[in-house]
Protein backbone atom coordinates (compact mmCIF):
# COMPACT_ATOMS: atom_id res chain seq x y z
CA UNK A 1 44.19 88.57 157.93
CA UNK A 2 46.90 89.69 155.70
CA UNK A 3 46.86 92.97 154.01
CA UNK A 4 48.40 93.52 150.67
CA UNK A 5 49.79 96.91 150.22
CA UNK A 6 48.46 98.72 147.26
CA UNK A 7 51.38 100.15 145.36
CA UNK A 8 51.31 103.86 145.10
CA UNK A 9 52.09 105.87 141.99
CA UNK A 10 55.77 106.39 142.89
CA UNK A 11 56.37 102.68 143.34
CA UNK A 12 54.69 101.93 140.01
CA UNK A 13 56.89 104.51 138.23
CA UNK A 14 60.03 103.09 139.86
CA UNK A 15 59.11 99.57 138.80
CA UNK A 16 58.36 100.79 135.28
CA UNK A 17 61.68 102.63 135.08
CA UNK A 18 63.46 99.59 136.48
CA UNK A 19 61.89 97.32 133.86
CA UNK A 20 62.87 99.72 131.06
CA UNK A 21 66.41 99.89 132.41
CA UNK A 22 66.57 96.11 132.58
CA UNK A 23 65.25 95.83 129.02
CA UNK A 24 67.86 98.32 127.78
CA UNK A 25 70.56 96.53 129.69
CA UNK A 26 69.44 93.20 128.27
CA UNK A 27 69.43 94.66 124.72
CA UNK A 28 72.90 96.08 125.31
CA UNK A 29 74.33 92.72 126.37
CA UNK A 30 72.53 90.88 123.58
CA UNK A 31 74.15 93.26 121.11
CA UNK A 32 77.55 92.70 122.74
CA UNK A 33 77.10 88.93 122.53
CA UNK A 34 76.15 89.19 118.84
CA UNK A 35 79.20 91.36 118.14
CA UNK A 36 81.49 88.98 120.00
CA UNK A 37 80.00 86.02 118.13
CA UNK A 38 80.63 87.73 114.78
CA UNK A 39 84.18 88.53 115.85
CA UNK A 40 84.70 84.93 116.99
CA UNK A 41 83.54 83.62 113.61
CA UNK A 42 85.92 86.03 111.84
CA UNK A 43 88.84 84.84 114.00
CA UNK A 44 87.97 81.21 113.37
CA UNK A 45 87.95 81.88 109.62
CA UNK A 46 91.33 83.60 109.88
CA UNK A 47 92.73 80.68 111.87
CA UNK A 48 91.46 78.23 109.26
CA UNK A 49 93.09 80.27 106.49
CA UNK A 50 96.36 80.31 108.43
CA UNK A 51 96.13 76.55 109.03
CA UNK A 52 95.61 75.91 105.31
CA UNK A 53 98.45 78.25 104.47
CA UNK A 54 100.69 76.49 106.97
CA UNK A 55 99.81 73.10 105.47
CA UNK A 56 100.68 74.38 102.00
CA UNK A 57 103.93 75.80 103.32
CA UNK A 58 104.81 72.47 104.94
CA UNK A 59 104.11 70.61 101.68
CA UNK A 60 106.28 73.06 99.73
CA UNK A 61 109.11 72.78 102.26
CA UNK A 62 108.94 68.99 102.10
CA UNK A 63 108.96 69.08 98.30
CA UNK A 64 111.96 71.44 98.37
CA UNK A 65 113.81 69.09 100.73
CA UNK A 66 113.15 66.11 98.45
CA UNK A 67 114.27 68.06 95.37
CA UNK A 68 117.41 69.30 97.14
CA UNK A 69 118.33 65.74 98.09
CA UNK A 70 117.64 64.67 94.51
CA UNK A 71 119.91 67.43 93.16
CA UNK A 72 122.67 66.43 95.58
CA UNK A 73 122.37 62.79 94.51
CA UNK A 74 122.51 63.79 90.84
CA UNK A 75 125.54 66.00 91.46
CA UNK A 76 127.28 63.13 93.22
CA UNK A 77 126.50 60.77 90.32
CA UNK A 78 127.74 63.39 87.85
CA UNK A 79 131.05 63.72 89.73
CA UNK A 80 131.51 59.95 89.77
CA UNK A 81 130.74 59.72 86.05
CA UNK A 82 133.08 62.61 85.27
CA UNK A 83 135.87 60.88 87.17
CA UNK A 84 135.11 57.63 85.33
CA UNK A 85 135.20 59.40 81.96
CA UNK A 86 138.48 61.07 82.89
CA UNK A 87 139.97 57.69 83.81
CA UNK A 88 138.72 56.16 80.55
CA UNK A 89 140.26 59.02 78.55
CA UNK A 90 143.57 58.48 80.34
CA UNK A 91 143.33 54.78 79.50
CA UNK A 92 142.53 55.58 75.84
CA UNK A 93 145.45 58.02 75.67
CA UNK A 94 147.76 55.46 77.23
CA UNK A 95 146.63 52.74 74.80
CA UNK A 96 146.88 55.11 71.85
CA UNK A 97 150.41 56.05 72.87
CA UNK A 98 151.32 52.39 73.26
CA UNK A 99 149.83 51.56 69.86
CA UNK A 100 151.75 54.39 68.22
CA UNK A 101 154.98 53.24 69.79
CA UNK A 102 154.45 49.67 68.53
CA UNK A 103 153.74 50.91 65.02
CA UNK A 104 157.07 52.65 64.90
CA UNK A 105 158.98 49.55 65.73
């Protein structure tokens, strides 16, 4: 025959206090988890904003690179055209001088 011990008043109070402590502890950790989850969501939103900003920055840098290359190409073409115009002016001056000298003769 097995006897079950009847809990006395002290044991009941200890169990009651233990359950309250466990409930408070559980509430404390639930609150911590909620706070950490909110913080995690905030960090994820910040990371997303940074990622979007970085994508925009990359697009702008790429656009700047293309425009810089375009400017360099245009400057090169302008130099070539300026040299061509200078050569044509020299040719015109030479021909004009030659024409003037033949008129005098």
